[in-house]
């Protein structure tokens, strides 16, 4: 299945997870009003100018955030508990979603990919 919008994607996830994705979407839009919604790699994403810089998706046991943050060692260290082997972030659905931290990631990625 190919998704045409964030909303199309959100309709395919468990009802309990949908508000978490919507919350991420709303907060990123508030923080980065110049970013636009898109679907990239068949998942919800935001683009800055022509390049997607922040991707997020729901999985069975977690919400993933991509790509890895780079360039800020102190912030990367703060993200260590959530990092997978390739540096992508994984936020368990069994604990409260650290939405403020995810928002910081969106800002860091926006700055990282500001071209």
PDB file of N, CA and C in Angstrom:
ATOM      1  N   UNK A   1       0.844  -1.178   0.000  1.00  0.00           N
ATOM      2  CA  UNK A   1       0.000   0.000   0.000  1.00  0.00           C
ATOM      3  C   UNK A   1       0.889   1.240   0.000  1.00  0.00           C
ATOM      4  N   UNK A   2       0.594   2.163  -0.877  1.00  0.00           N
ATOM      5  CA  UNK A   2       1.317   3.438  -0.957  1.00  0.00           C
ATOM      6  C   UNK A   2       0.438   4.520  -0.341  1.00  0.00           C
ATOM      7  N   UNK A   3       1.039   5.363   0.488  1.00  0.00           N
ATOM      8  CA  UNK A   3       0.288   6.417   1.168  1.00  0.00           C
ATOM      9  C   UNK A   3       0.443   7.742   0.433  1.00  0.00           C
ATOM     10  N   UNK A   4      -0.656   8.485   0.357  1.00  0.00           N
ATOM     11  CA  UNK A   4      -0.660   9.780  -0.317  1.00  0.00           C
ATOM     12  C   UNK A   4      -0.529  10.946   0.664  1.00  0.00           C
ATOM     13  N   UNK A   5      -0.787  10.683   1.948  1.00  0.00           N
ATOM     14  CA  UNK A   5      -0.756  11.764   2.935  1.00  0.00           C
ATOM     15  C   UNK A   5      -0.481  11.188   4.321  1.00  0.00           C
ATOM     16  N   UNK A   6      -0.170  12.075   5.252  1.00  0.00           N
ATOM     17  CA  UNK A   6      -0.001  11.651   6.640  1.00  0.00           C
ATOM     18  C   UNK A   6      -1.288  10.993   7.133  1.00  0.00           C
ATOM     19  N   UNK A   7      -2.409  11.612   6.809  1.00  0.00           N
ATOM     20  CA  UNK A   7      -3.700  11.092   7.274  1.00  0.00           C
ATOM     21  C   UNK A   7      -3.965   9.683   6.750  1.00  0.00           C
ATOM     22  N   UNK A   8      -3.625   9.434   5.494  1.00  0.00           N
ATOM     23  CA  UNK A   8      -3.784   8.078   4.947  1.00  0.00           C
ATOM     24  C   UNK A   8      -2.961   7.076   5.760  1.00  0.00           C
ATOM     25  N   UNK A   9      -1.738   7.462   6.089  1.00  0.00           N
ATOM     26  CA  UNK A   9      -0.870   6.592   6.887  1.00  0.00           C
ATOM     27  C   UNK A   9      -1.474   6.381   8.278  1.00  0.00           C
ATOM     28  N   UNK A  10      -1.909   7.471   8.916  1.00  0.00           N
ATOM     29  CA  UNK A  10      -2.433   7.387  10.281  1.00  0.00           C
ATOM     30  C   UNK A  10      -3.631   6.441  10.368  1.00  0.00           C
ATOM     31  N   UNK A  11      -4.424   6.368   9.316  1.00  0.00           N
ATOM     32  CA  UNK A  11      -5.594   5.486   9.325  1.00  0.00           C
ATOM     33  C   UNK A  11      -5.220   4.011   9.379  1.00  0.00           C
ATOM     34  N   UNK A  12      -3.980   3.674   9.081  1.00  0.00           N
ATOM     35  CA  UNK A  12      -3.563   2.268   9.048  1.00  0.00           C
ATOM     36  C   UNK A  12      -2.936   1.794  10.355  1.00  0.00           C
ATOM     37  N   UNK A  13      -2.718   2.703  11.304  1.00  0.00           N
ATOM     38  CA  UNK A  13      -2.091   2.304  12.566  1.00  0.00           C
ATOM     39  C   UNK A  13      -3.159   2.039  13.621  1.00  0.00           C
ATOM     40  N   UNK A  14      -2.760   1.379  14.684  1.00  0.00           N
ATOM     41  CA  UNK A  14      -3.700   1.088  15.758  1.00  0.00           C
ATOM     42  C   UNK A  14      -4.304   2.377  16.303  1.00  0.00           C
ATOM     43  N   UNK A  15      -5.594   2.367  16.627  1.00  0.00           N
ATOM     44  CA  UNK A  15      -6.247   3.577  17.139  1.00  0.00           C
ATOM     45  C   UNK A  15      -5.542   4.186  18.351  1.00  0.00           C
ATOM     46  N   UNK A  16      -4.947   3.377  19.202  1.00  0.00           N
ATOM     47  CA  UNK A  16      -4.256   3.908  20.378  1.00  0.00           C
ATOM     48  C   UNK A  16      -2.963   4.641  20.013  1.00  0.00           C
ATOM     49  N   UNK A  17      -2.383   4.335  18.860  1.00  0.00           N
ATOM     50  CA  UNK A  17      -1.115   4.934  18.432  1.00  0.00           C
ATOM     51  C   UNK A  17      -1.355   6.205  17.616  1.00  0.00           C
ATOM     52  N   UNK A  18      -2.492   6.273  16.963  1.00  0.00           N
ATOM     53  CA  UNK A  18      -2.805   7.409  16.089  1.00  0.00           C
ATOM     54  C   UNK A  18      -2.625   8.768  16.774  1.00  0.00           C
ATOM     55  N   UNK A  19      -3.131   8.966  18.003  1.00  0.00           N
ATOM     56  CA  UNK A  19      -2.945  10.279  18.649  1.00  0.00           C
ATOM     57  C   UNK A  19      -1.476  10.626  18.887  1.00  0.00           C
ATOM     58  N   UNK A  20      -0.631   9.636  19.073  1.00  0.00           N
ATOM     59  CA  UNK A  20       0.796   9.891  19.271  1.00  0.00           C
ATOM     60  C   UNK A  20       1.412  10.449  17.992  1.00  0.00           C
ATOM     61  N   UNK A  21       1.074   9.838  16.867  1.00  0.00           N
ATOM     62  CA  UNK A  21       1.578  10.328  15.582  1.00  0.00           C
ATOM     63  C   UNK A  21       1.026  11.716  15.276  1.00  0.00           C
ATOM     64  N   UNK A  22      -0.246  11.913  15.560  1.00  0.00           N
ATOM     65  CA  UNK A  22      -0.855  13.226  15.327  1.00  0.00           C
ATOM     66  C   UNK A  22      -0.196  14.292  16.203  1.00  0.00           C
ATOM     67  N   UNK A  23       0.159  13.914  17.422  1.00  0.00           N
ATOM     68  CA  UNK A  23       0.818  14.847  18.321  1.00  0.00           C
ATOM     69  C   UNK A  23       2.192  15.249  17.782  1.00  0.00           C
ATOM     70  N   UNK A  24       2.934  14.280  17.283  1.00  0.00           N
ATOM     71  CA  UNK A  24       4.237  14.585  16.678  1.00  0.00           C
ATOM     72  C   UNK A  24       4.036  15.536  15.503  1.00  0.00           C
ATOM     73  N   UNK A  25       3.091  15.218  14.648  1.00  0.00           N
ATOM     74  CA  UNK A  25       2.817  16.049  13.475  1.00  0.00           C
ATOM     75  C   UNK A  25       2.467  17.478  13.873  1.00  0.00           C
ATOM     76  N   UNK A  26       1.556  17.638  14.816  1.00  0.00           N
ATOM     77  CA  UNK A  26       1.116  18.966  15.235  1.00  0.00           C
ATOM     78  C   UNK A  26       2.244  19.777  15.865  1.00  0.00           C
ATOM     79  N   UNK A  27       3.032  19.128  16.693  1.00  0.00           N
ATOM     80  CA  UNK A  27       4.122  19.844  17.374  1.00  0.00           C
ATOM     81  C   UNK A  27       5.196  20.276  16.381  1.00  0.00           C
ATOM     82  N   UNK A  28       5.538  19.409  15.429  1.00  0.00           N
ATOM     83  CA  UNK A  28       6.540  19.779  14.420  1.00  0.00           C
ATOM     84  C   UNK A  28       6.027  20.957  13.603  1.00  0.00           C
ATOM     85  N   UNK A  29       4.755  20.932  13.238  1.00  0.00           N
ATOM     86  CA  UNK A  29       4.194  22.041  12.458  1.00  0.00           C
ATOM     87  C   UNK A  29       4.199  23.355  13.240  1.00  0.00           C
ATOM     88  N   UNK A  30       3.981  23.286  14.543  1.00  0.00           N
ATOM     89  CA  UNK A  30       4.031  24.502  15.367  1.00  0.00           C
ATOM     90  C   UNK A  30       5.457  25.040  15.485  1.00  0.00           C
ATOM     91  N   UNK A  31       6.397  24.129  15.675  1.00  0.00           N
ATOM     92  CA  UNK A  31       7.800  24.531  15.845  1.00  0.00           C
ATOM     93  C   UNK A  31       8.464  24.971  14.550  1.00  0.00           C
ATOM     94  N   UNK A  32       8.070  24.346  13.453  1.00  0.00           N
ATOM     95  CA  UNK A  32       8.721  24.586  12.162  1.00  0.00           C
ATOM     96  C   UNK A  32       7.657  24.881  11.093  1.00  0.00           C
ATOM     97  N   UNK A  33       7.015  26.042  11.178  1.00  0.00           N
ATOM     98  CA  UNK A  33       5.903  26.334  10.261  1.00  0.00           C
ATOM     99  C   UNK A  33       6.298  26.363   8.785  1.00  0.00           C
ATOM    100  N   UNK A  34       7.578  26.546   8.487  1.00  0.00           N
ATOM    101  CA  UNK A  34       8.005  26.552   7.089  1.00  0.00           C
ATOM    102  C   UNK A  34       8.187  25.133   6.536  1.00  0.00           C
ATOM    103  N   UNK A  35       8.192  24.134   7.408  1.00  0.00           N
ATOM    104  CA  UNK A  35       8.293  22.742   6.957  1.00  0.00           C
ATOM    105  C   UNK A  35       6.944  22.299   6.391  1.00  0.00           C
ATOM    106  N   UNK A  36       6.984  21.460   5.393  1.00  0.00           N
ATOM    107  CA  UNK A  36       5.752  20.969   4.782  1.00  0.00           C
ATOM    108  C   UNK A  36       5.662  19.455   4.910  1.00  0.00           C
ATOM    109  N   UNK A  37       4.436  18.983   5.033  1.00  0.00           N
ATOM    110  CA  UNK A  37       4.193  17.546   5.114  1.00  0.00           C
ATOM    111  C   UNK A  37       4.509  16.887   3.783  1.00  0.00           C
ATOM    112  N   UNK A  38       4.981  15.652   3.877  1.00  0.00           N
ATOM    113  CA  UNK A  38       5.155  14.833   2.682  1.00  0.00           C
ATOM    114  C   UNK A  38       5.168  13.371   3.111  1.00  0.00           C
ATOM    115  N   UNK A  39       5.111  12.501   2.141  1.00  0.00           N
ATOM    116  CA  UNK A  39       5.327  11.073   2.353  1.00  0.00           C
ATOM    117  C   UNK A  39       6.627  10.744   1.643  1.00  0.00           C
ATOM    118  N   UNK A  40       7.543  10.146   2.380  1.00  0.00           N
ATOM    119  CA  UNK A  40       8.815   9.752   1.800  1.00  0.00           C
ATOM    120  C   UNK A  40       9.177   8.382   2.372  1.00  0.00           C
ATOM    121  N   UNK A  41       9.687   7.521   1.533  1.00  0.00           N
ATOM    122  CA  UNK A  41       9.924   6.125   1.930  1.00  0.00           C
ATOM    123  C   UNK A  41       8.647   5.515   2.493  1.00  0.00           C
ATOM    124  N   UNK A  42       7.509   5.982   1.999  1.00  0.00           N
ATOM    125  CA  UNK A  42       6.174   5.509   2.362  1.00  0.00           C
ATOM    126  C   UNK A  42       5.861   5.705   3.855  1.00  0.00           C
ATOM    127  N   UNK A  43       6.414   6.753   4.437  1.00  0.00           N
ATOM    128  CA  UNK A  43       6.087   7.098   5.821  1.00  0.00           C
ATOM    129  C   UNK A  43       5.916   8.613   5.925  1.00  0.00           C
ATOM    130  N   UNK A  44       5.213   9.068   6.958  1.00  0.00           N
ATOM    131  CA  UNK A  44       5.056  10.510   7.151  1.00  0.00           C
ATOM    132  C   UNK A  44       6.415  11.167   7.333  1.00  0.00           C
ATOM    133  N   UNK A  45       6.557  12.328   6.729  1.00  0.00           N
ATOM    134  CA  UNK A  45       7.812  13.067   6.816  1.00  0.00           C
ATOM    135  C   UNK A  45       7.521  14.556   6.689  1.00  0.00           C
ATOM    136  N   UNK A  46       8.545  15.344   6.960  1.00  0.00           N
ATOM    137  CA  UNK A  46       8.482  16.781   6.731  1.00  0.00           C
ATOM    138  C   UNK A  46       9.661  17.163   5.865  1.00  0.00           C
ATOM    139  N   UNK A  47       9.400  18.134   5.001  1.00  0.00           N
ATOM    140  CA  UNK A  47      10.459  18.585   4.110  1.00  0.00           C
ATOM    141  C   UNK A  47      10.731  20.056   4.344  1.00  0.00           C
ATOM    142  N   UNK A  48      11.996  20.390   4.166  1.00  0.00           N
ATOM    143  CA  UNK A  48      12.476  21.760   4.248  1.00  0.00           C
ATOM    144  C   UNK A  48      12.951  22.103   2.854  1.00  0.00           C
ATOM    145  N   UNK A  49      12.288  23.028   2.205  1.00  0.00           N
ATOM    146  CA  UNK A  49      12.580  23.364   0.812  1.00  0.00           C
ATOM    147  C   UNK A  49      12.337  22.125  -0.039  1.00  0.00           C
ATOM    148  N   UNK A  50      13.375  21.482  -0.546  1.00  0.00           N
ATOM    149  CA  UNK A  50      13.176  20.328  -1.430  1.00  0.00           C
ATOM    150  C   UNK A  50      13.529  18.989  -0.805  1.00  0.00           C
ATOM    151  N   UNK A  51      14.026  18.990   0.416  1.00  0.00           N
ATOM    152  CA  UNK A  51      14.550  17.759   0.991  1.00  0.00           C
ATOM    153  C   UNK A  51      13.794  17.362   2.252  1.00  0.00           C
ATOM    154  N   UNK A  52      13.394  16.094   2.331  1.00  0.00           N
ATOM    155  CA  UNK A  52      12.779  15.582   3.551  1.00  0.00           C
ATOM    156  C   UNK A  52      13.865  15.474   4.621  1.00  0.00           C
ATOM    157  N   UNK A  53      13.540  15.922   5.834  1.00  0.00           N
ATOM    158  CA  UNK A  53      14.539  15.940   6.900  1.00  0.00           C
ATOM    159  C   UNK A  53      14.096  15.211   8.160  1.00  0.00           C
ATOM    160  N   UNK A  54      12.807  14.908   8.296  1.00  0.00           N
ATOM    161  CA  UNK A  54      12.288  14.286   9.520  1.00  0.00           C
ATOM    162  C   UNK A  54      11.214  13.281   9.123  1.00  0.00           C
ATOM    163  N   UNK A  55      11.435  12.030   9.471  1.00  0.00           N
ATOM    164  CA  UNK A  55      10.507  10.946   9.164  1.00  0.00           C
ATOM    165  C   UNK A  55      10.060  10.321  10.480  1.00  0.00           C
ATOM    166  N   UNK A  56       8.816   9.874  10.535  1.00  0.00           N
ATOM    167  CA  UNK A  56       8.342   9.171  11.722  1.00  0.00           C
ATOM    168  C   UNK A  56       7.326   8.122  11.308  1.00  0.00           C
ATOM    169  N   UNK A  57       7.324   7.007  12.034  1.00  0.00           N
ATOM    170  CA  UNK A  57       6.455   5.899  11.652  1.00  0.00           C
ATOM    171  C   UNK A  57       6.142   5.034  12.866  1.00  0.00           C
ATOM    172  N   UNK A  58       5.001   4.380  12.811  1.00  0.00           N
ATOM    173  CA  UNK A  58       4.575   3.486  13.888  1.00  0.00           C
ATOM    174  C   UNK A  58       4.911   2.047  13.519  1.00  0.00           C
ATOM    175  N   UNK A  59       5.369   1.324  14.500  1.00  0.00           N
ATOM    176  CA  UNK A  59       5.650  -0.098  14.359  1.00  0.00           C
ATOM    177  C   UNK A  59       4.920  -0.831  15.478  1.00  0.00           C
ATOM    178  N   UNK A  60       5.056  -2.122  15.534  1.00  0.00           N
ATOM    179  CA  UNK A  60       4.298  -2.917  16.489  1.00  0.00           C
ATOM    180  C   UNK A  60       4.547  -2.492  17.940  1.00  0.00           C
ATOM    181  N   UNK A  61       5.812  -2.201  18.272  1.00  0.00           N
ATOM    182  CA  UNK A  61       6.140  -1.899  19.658  1.00  0.00           C
ATOM    183  C   UNK A  61       6.779  -0.529  19.877  1.00  0.00           C
ATOM    184  N   UNK A  62       6.924   0.241  18.808  1.00  0.00           N
ATOM    185  CA  UNK A  62       7.601   1.529  18.960  1.00  0.00           C
ATOM    186  C   UNK A  62       7.220   2.510  17.860  1.00  0.00           C
ATOM    187  N   UNK A  63       7.611   3.763  18.074  1.00  0.00           N
ATOM    188  CA  UNK A  63       7.550   4.785  17.025  1.00  0.00           C
ATOM    189  C   UNK A  63       8.997   5.076  16.653  1.00  0.00           C
ATOM    190  N   UNK A  64       9.271   5.021  15.361  1.00  0.00           N
ATOM    191  CA  UNK A  64      10.610   5.285  14.873  1.00  0.00           C
ATOM    192  C   UNK A  64      10.723   6.699  14.342  1.00  0.00           C
ATOM    193  N   UNK A  65      11.887   7.312  14.551  1.00  0.00           N
ATOM    194  CA  UNK A  65      12.189   8.648  14.036  1.00  0.00           C
ATOM    195  C   UNK A  65      13.509   8.552  13.289  1.00  0.00           C
ATOM    196  N   UNK A  66      13.527   9.135  12.088  1.00  0.00           N
ATOM    197  CA  UNK A  66      14.673   9.023  11.186  1.00  0.00           C
ATOM    198  C   UNK A  66      14.949  10.379  10.549  1.00  0.00           C
ATOM    199  N   UNK A  67      16.090  10.620   9.997  1.00  0.00           N
ATOM    200  CA  UNK A  67      17.359   9.890  10.071  1.00  0.00           C
ATOM    201  C   UNK A  67      18.069  10.219  11.373  1.00  0.00           C
ATOM    202  N   UNK A  68      19.249   9.662  11.595  1.00  0.00           N
ATOM    203  CA  UNK A  68      19.991   9.971  12.816  1.00  0.00           C
ATOM    204  C   UNK A  68      20.425  11.435  12.864  1.00  0.00           C
ATOM    205  N   UNK A  69      20.453  11.967  14.067  1.00  0.00           N
ATOM    206  CA  UNK A  69      20.984  13.311  14.294  1.00  0.00           C
ATOM    207  C   UNK A  69      22.506  13.212  14.287  1.00  0.00           C
ATOM    208  N   UNK A  70      23.162  14.213  13.718  1.00  0.00           N
ATOM    209  CA  UNK A  70      24.622  14.229  13.755  1.00  0.00           C
ATOM    210  C   UNK A  70      25.106  15.637  14.086  1.00  0.00           C
ATOM    211  N   UNK A  71      26.374  15.731  14.482  1.00  0.00           N
ATOM    212  CA  UNK A  71      26.998  17.032  14.660  1.00  0.00           C
ATOM    213  C   UNK A  71      26.907  17.648  16.038  1.00  0.00           C
ATOM    214  N   UNK A  72      26.075  17.132  16.926  1.00  0.00           N
ATOM    215  CA  UNK A  72      25.941  17.703  18.262  1.00  0.00           C
ATOM    216  C   UNK A  72      26.136  16.570  19.274  1.00  0.00           C
ATOM    217  N   UNK A  73      27.361  16.374  19.702  1.00  0.00           N
ATOM    218  CA  UNK A  73      27.710  15.237  20.561  1.00  0.00           C
ATOM    219  C   UNK A  73      26.900  15.206  21.854  1.00  0.00           C
ATOM    220  N   UNK A  74      26.682  16.365  22.459  1.00  0.00           N
ATOM    221  CA  UNK A  74      25.934  16.410  23.718  1.00  0.00           C
ATOM    222  C   UNK A  74      24.486  15.968  23.514  1.00  0.00           C
ATOM    223  N   UNK A  75      23.866  16.440  22.451  1.00  0.00           N
ATOM    224  CA  UNK A  75      22.480  16.046  22.171  1.00  0.00           C
ATOM    225  C   UNK A  75      22.410  14.572  21.773  1.00  0.00           C
ATOM    226  N   UNK A  76      23.349  14.120  20.983  1.00  0.00           N
ATOM    227  CA  UNK A  76      23.379  12.713  20.573  1.00  0.00           C
ATOM    228  C   UNK A  76      23.504  11.814  21.804  1.00  0.00           C
ATOM    229  N   UNK A  77      24.317  12.215  22.756  1.00  0.00           N
ATOM    230  CA  UNK A  77      24.456  11.450  23.992  1.00  0.00           C
ATOM    231  C   UNK A  77      23.111  11.368  24.722  1.00  0.00           C
ATOM    232  N   UNK A  78      22.372  12.453  24.732  1.00  0.00           N
ATOM    233  CA  UNK A  78      21.047  12.489  25.367  1.00  0.00           C
ATOM    234  C   UNK A  78      20.078  11.506  24.689  1.00  0.00           C
ATOM    235  N   UNK A  79      20.295  11.258  23.393  1.00  0.00           N
ATOM    236  CA  UNK A  79      19.422  10.359  22.622  1.00  0.00           C
ATOM    237  C   UNK A  79      19.829   8.890  22.717  1.00  0.00           C
ATOM    238  N   UNK A  80      20.976   8.622  23.305  1.00  0.00           N
ATOM    239  CA  UNK A  80      21.537   7.267  23.340  1.00  0.00           C
ATOM    240  C   UNK A  80      20.540   6.192  23.789  1.00  0.00           C
ATOM    241  N   UNK A  81      19.724   6.418  24.817  1.00  0.00           N
ATOM    242  CA  UNK A  81      18.802   5.354  25.237  1.00  0.00           C
ATOM    243  C   UNK A  81      17.786   4.942  24.167  1.00  0.00           C
ATOM    244  N   UNK A  82      17.593   5.789  23.179  1.00  0.00           N
ATOM    245  CA  UNK A  82      16.579   5.533  22.152  1.00  0.00           C
ATOM    246  C   UNK A  82      17.181   5.091  20.818  1.00  0.00           C
ATOM    247  N   UNK A  83      18.502   5.063  20.722  1.00  0.00           N
ATOM    248  CA  UNK A  83      19.167   4.794  19.447  1.00  0.00           C
ATOM    249  C   UNK A  83      19.231   3.314  19.117  1.00  0.00           C
ATOM    250  N   UNK A  84      18.963   3.043  17.826  1.00  0.00           N
ATOM    251  CA  UNK A  84      19.175   1.711  17.305  1.00  0.00           C
ATOM    252  C   UNK A  84      20.598   1.602  16.777  1.00  0.00           C
ATOM    253  N   UNK A  85      20.955   0.463  16.198  1.00  0.00           N
ATOM    254  CA  UNK A  85      22.326   0.254  15.732  1.00  0.00           C
ATOM    255  C   UNK A  85      22.777   1.229  14.646  1.00  0.00           C
ATOM    256  N   UNK A  86      21.856   1.785  13.871  1.00  0.00           N
ATOM    257  CA  UNK A  86      22.219   2.733  12.815  1.00  0.00           C
ATOM    258  C   UNK A  86      22.005   4.182  13.241  1.00  0.00           C
ATOM    259  N   UNK A  87      21.654   4.391  14.508  1.00  0.00           N
ATOM    260  CA  UNK A  87      21.453   5.739  15.013  1.00  0.00           C
ATOM    261  C   UNK A  87      20.025   6.238  14.912  1.00  0.00           C
ATOM    262  N   UNK A  88      19.153   5.471  14.247  1.00  0.00           N
ATOM    263  CA  UNK A  88      17.747   5.859  14.188  1.00  0.00           C
ATOM    264  C   UNK A  88      17.140   5.724  15.578  1.00  0.00           C
ATOM    265  N   UNK A  89      16.105   6.483  15.844  1.00  0.00           N
ATOM    266  CA  UNK A  89      15.518   6.514  17.176  1.00  0.00           C
ATOM    267  C   UNK A  89      14.278   5.643  17.257  1.00  0.00           C
ATOM    268  N   UNK A  90      14.127   4.975  18.391  1.00  0.00           N
ATOM    269  CA  UNK A  90      13.007   4.078  18.632  1.00  0.00           C
ATOM    270  C   UNK A  90      12.409   4.401  20.000  1.00  0.00           C
ATOM    271  N   UNK A  91      11.141   4.810  20.000  1.00  0.00           N
ATOM    272  CA  UNK A  91      10.455   5.190  21.231  1.00  0.00           C
ATOM    273  C   UNK A  91       9.381   4.151  21.531  1.00  0.00           C
ATOM    274  N   UNK A  92       9.580   3.413  22.603  1.00  0.00           N
ATOM    275  CA  UNK A  92       8.688   2.327  22.979  1.00  0.00           C
ATOM    276  C   UNK A  92       7.267   2.832  23.206  1.00  0.00           C
ATOM    277  N   UNK A  93       6.314   2.009  22.811  1.00  0.00           N
ATOM    278  CA  UNK A  93       4.907   2.338  23.044  1.00  0.00           C
ATOM    279  C   UNK A  93       4.471   1.953  24.458  1.00  0.00           C
ATOM    280  N   UNK A  94       5.378   1.330  25.220  1.00  0.00           N
ATOM    281  CA  UNK A  94       5.047   0.895  26.580  1.00  0.00           C
ATOM    282  C   UNK A  94       5.307   1.956  27.640  1.00  0.00           C
ATOM    283  N   UNK A  95       5.881   3.083  27.225  1.00  0.00           N
ATOM    284  CA  UNK A  95       6.161   4.182  28.163  1.00  0.00           C
ATOM    285  C   UNK A  95       5.651   5.477  27.535  1.00  0.00           C
ATOM    286  N   UNK A  96       5.447   6.518  28.338  1.00  0.00           N
ATOM    287  CA  UNK A  96       4.984   7.780  27.755  1.00  0.00           C
ATOM    288  C   UNK A  96       5.960   8.293  26.690  1.00  0.00           C
ATOM    289  N   UNK A  97       5.413   8.787  25.611  1.00  0.00           N
ATOM    290  CA  UNK A  97       6.205   9.299  24.501  1.00  0.00           C
ATOM    291  C   UNK A  97       6.896  10.596  24.915  1.00  0.00           C
ATOM    292  N   UNK A  98       8.219  10.684  24.784  1.00  0.00           N
ATOM    293  CA  UNK A  98       8.929  11.920  25.144  1.00  0.00           C
ATOM    294  C   UNK A  98       8.803  12.956  24.018  1.00  0.00           C
ATOM    295  N   UNK A  99       7.611  13.534  23.913  1.00  0.00           N
ATOM    296  CA  UNK A  99       7.288  14.416  22.792  1.00  0.00           C
ATOM    297  C   UNK A  99       8.216  15.635  22.735  1.00  0.00           C
ATOM    298  N   UNK A 100       8.596  16.175  23.880  1.00  0.00           N
ATOM    299  CA  UNK A 100       9.497  17.322  23.868  1.00  0.00           C
ATOM    300  C   UNK A 100      10.857  16.952  23.279  1.00  0.00           C
ATOM    301  N   UNK A 101      11.338  15.773  23.605  1.00  0.00           N
ATOM    302  CA  UNK A 101      12.606  15.306  23.050  1.00  0.00           C
ATOM    303  C   UNK A 101      12.480  15.086  21.543  1.00  0.00           C
ATOM    304  N   UNK A 102      11.382  14.509  21.107  1.00  0.00           N
ATOM    305  CA  UNK A 102      11.155  14.302  19.673  1.00  0.00           C
ATOM    306  C   UNK A 102      11.103  15.647  18.955  1.00  0.00           C
ATOM    307  N   UNK A 103      10.509  16.643  19.591  1.00  0.00           N
ATOM    308  CA  UNK A 103      10.478  17.984  18.998  1.00  0.00           C
ATOM    309  C   UNK A 103      11.891  18.556  18.874  1.00  0.00           C
ATOM    310  N   UNK A 104      12.715  18.333  19.879  1.00  0.00           N
ATOM    311  CA  UNK A 104      14.111  18.779  19.795  1.00  0.00           C
ATOM    312  C   UNK A 104      14.831  18.088  18.640  1.00  0.00           C
ATOM    313  N   UNK A 105      14.517  16.814  18.434  1.00  0.00           N
ATOM    314  CA  UNK A 105      15.098  16.068  17.305  1.00  0.00           C
ATOM    315  C   UNK A 105      14.658  16.696  15.986  1.00  0.00           C
ATOM    316  N   UNK A 106      13.384  17.047  15.882  1.00  0.00           N
ATOM    317  CA  UNK A 106      12.901  17.644  14.625  1.00  0.00           C
ATOM    318  C   UNK A 106      13.632  18.949  14.327  1.00  0.00           C
ATOM    319  N   UNK A 107      13.866  19.751  15.347  1.00  0.00           N
ATOM    320  CA  UNK A 107      14.582  21.020  15.162  1.00  0.00           C
ATOM    321  C   UNK A 107      16.032  20.749  14.769  1.00  0.00           C
ATOM    322  N   UNK A 108      16.663  19.792  15.444  1.00  0.00           N
ATOM    323  CA  UNK A 108      18.062  19.467  15.127  1.00  0.00           C
ATOM    324  C   UNK A 108      18.178  18.967  13.690  1.00  0.00           C
ATOM    325  N   UNK A 109      17.249  18.134  13.259  1.00  0.00           N
ATOM    326  CA  UNK A 109      17.295  17.613  11.893  1.00  0.00           C
ATOM    327  C   UNK A 109      16.991  18.725  10.872  1.00  0.00           C
ATOM    328  N   UNK A 110      16.069  19.602  11.218  1.00  0.00           N
ATOM    329  CA  UNK A 110      15.782  20.734  10.339  1.00  0.00           C
ATOM    330  C   UNK A 110      17.047  21.547  10.113  1.00  0.00           C
ATOM    331  N   UNK A 111      17.749  21.841  11.184  1.00  0.00           N
ATOM    332  CA  UNK A 111      18.997  22.602  11.086  1.00  0.00           C
ATOM    333  C   UNK A 111      20.084  21.818  10.346  1.00  0.00           C
ATOM    334  N   UNK A 112      20.128  20.526  10.616  1.00  0.00           N
ATOM    335  CA  UNK A 112      21.136  19.656   9.990  1.00  0.00           C
ATOM    336  C   UNK A 112      20.949  19.597   8.471  1.00  0.00           C
ATOM    337  N   UNK A 113      19.687  19.582   8.027  1.00  0.00           N
ATOM    338  CA  UNK A 113      19.393  19.445   6.606  1.00  0.00           C
ATOM    339  C   UNK A 113      18.966  20.754   5.944  1.00  0.00           C
ATOM    340  N   UNK A 114      19.211  21.860   6.602  1.00  0.00           N
ATOM    341  CA  UNK A 114      18.859  23.173   6.040  1.00  0.00           C
ATOM    342  C   UNK A 114      19.814  23.488   4.890  1.00  0.00           C
ATOM    343  N   UNK A 115      19.305  23.297   3.671  1.00  0.00           N
ATOM    344  CA  UNK A 115      20.136  23.544   2.480  1.00  0.00           C
ATOM    345  C   UNK A 115      19.463  24.528   1.564  1.00  0.00           C
TER     346      UNK A 115
END
